[in-house]
Amino acid sequence: MCIDGDVLELDIEIDLEEVKALHLFVKDRLEYIEEISLLRSSTGLPSTSALFSLLFCIKKMKPSIKIDLIDAASFDLESYGKLYWMRYE
């Protein structure tokens, strides 16, 4: 996890304890964060689905925030395939 100005950069492979720490970190600073981007390592596979849940909650609380995982129509998880989002606007 790295914050660069108003952009929060996250590793997609963070585990559950790191997601819990991220929740506490973001809770007080959400109004200052404008974008959340996911960094991929060699495998690029998520360790837990809790990160997805947290990102969706953040997007619901602050719809103006840019989250590349959610804003894209699909997200490639290499060996798992692609995730496609259903949007209701």
Protein backbone atom coordinates (compact mmCIF):
# COMPACT_ATOMS: atom_id res chain seq x y z
CA MET A 1 0.00 0.00 0.00
CA CYS A 2 1.38 3.36 -1.03
CA ILE A 3 -0.29 6.75 -1.12
CA ASP A 4 1.02 9.21 -3.68
CA GLY A 5 -0.76 12.53 -3.29
CA ASP A 6 -4.44 11.71 -3.74
CA VAL A 7 -3.83 8.28 -5.37
CA LEU A 8 -3.81 5.15 -3.23
CA GLU A 9 -1.87 2.28 -4.82
CA LEU A 10 -2.66 -1.24 -3.60
CA ASP A 11 -1.14 -4.62 -4.29
CA ILE A 12 -3.82 -7.01 -5.51
CA GLU A 13 -2.30 -9.83 -3.44
CA ILE A 14 -2.90 -8.31 0.01
CA ASP A 15 -4.22 -10.75 2.58
CA LEU A 16 -7.19 -10.45 4.94
CA GLU A 17 -5.26 -8.78 7.76
CA GLU A 18 -3.92 -6.17 5.34
CA VAL A 19 -7.47 -5.54 4.05
CA LYS A 20 -8.61 -4.93 7.62
CA ALA A 21 -5.74 -2.47 8.12
CA LEU A 22 -6.61 -0.82 4.81
CA HIS A 23 -10.22 -0.38 5.95
CA LEU A 24 -9.08 1.45 9.07
CA PHE A 25 -6.64 3.56 7.05
CA VAL A 26 -9.18 4.57 4.40
CA LYS A 27 -12.04 5.20 6.81
CA ASP A 28 -10.54 8.44 8.10
CA ARG A 29 -8.97 9.55 4.80
CA LEU A 30 -11.64 8.76 2.21
CA GLU A 31 -12.46 12.40 1.54
CA TYR A 32 -8.83 13.04 0.49
CA ILE A 33 -8.42 10.01 -1.80
CA GLU A 34 -9.40 10.63 -5.43
CA GLU A 35 -8.19 7.38 -7.03
CA ILE A 36 -7.38 3.79 -6.03
CA SER A 37 -5.21 1.78 -8.39
CA LEU A 38 -4.23 -1.86 -8.15
CA LEU A 39 -0.66 -2.97 -8.70
CA ARG A 40 0.02 -6.46 -10.00
CA SER A 41 2.97 -8.61 -9.06
CA SER A 42 4.24 -11.64 -10.95
CA THR A 43 1.09 -13.75 -10.46
CA GLY A 44 -1.38 -10.87 -10.28
CA LEU A 45 -3.96 -13.00 -8.45
CA PRO A 46 -5.92 -11.79 -5.41
CA SER A 47 -5.36 -13.56 -2.10
CA THR A 48 -8.84 -12.83 -0.79
CA SER A 49 -12.14 -11.51 -2.08
CA ALA A 50 -12.31 -9.13 0.90
CA LEU A 51 -10.37 -6.56 -1.14
CA PHE A 52 -13.10 -6.57 -3.81
CA SER A 53 -15.78 -6.13 -1.14
CA LEU A 54 -13.96 -3.21 0.44
CA LEU A 55 -13.43 -1.50 -2.91
CA PHE A 56 -17.11 -1.85 -3.81
CA CYS A 57 -18.11 -0.37 -0.44
CA ILE A 58 -15.71 2.53 -0.97
CA LYS A 59 -17.17 3.16 -4.44
CA LYS A 60 -20.68 3.12 -3.01
CA MET A 61 -19.74 5.59 -0.26
CA LYS A 62 -17.89 7.91 -2.65
CA PRO A 63 -19.11 7.41 -6.24
CA SER A 64 -16.73 10.05 -7.61
CA ILE A 65 -13.63 8.05 -6.65
CA LYS A 66 -11.81 6.42 -9.54
CA ILE A 67 -11.14 2.71 -8.95
CA ASP A 68 -9.66 1.03 -12.02
CA LEU A 69 -10.92 -2.41 -10.97
CA ILE A 70 -14.55 -1.28 -10.84
CA ASP A 71 -14.56 1.42 -13.51
CA ALA A 72 -13.38 -0.98 -16.21
CA ALA A 73 -16.06 -3.16 -17.84
CA SER A 74 -13.97 -6.28 -17.16
CA PHE A 75 -10.96 -7.26 -15.10
CA ASP A 76 -8.49 -9.95 -16.20
CA LEU A 77 -7.38 -12.38 -13.48
CA GLU A 78 -5.04 -14.40 -15.72
CA SER A 79 -5.62 -18.08 -14.86
CA TYR A 80 -9.11 -17.45 -13.42
CA GLY A 81 -10.35 -15.61 -16.50
CA LYS A 82 -12.13 -12.27 -16.68
CA LEU A 83 -14.58 -10.69 -14.28
CA TYR A 84 -17.39 -8.76 -15.92
CA TRP A 85 -19.36 -6.22 -13.94
CA MET A 86 -23.11 -5.70 -14.26
CA ARG A 87 -23.95 -2.02 -13.95
CA TYR A 88 -27.30 -0.53 -13.15
CA GLU A 89 -27.40 3.20 -13.66
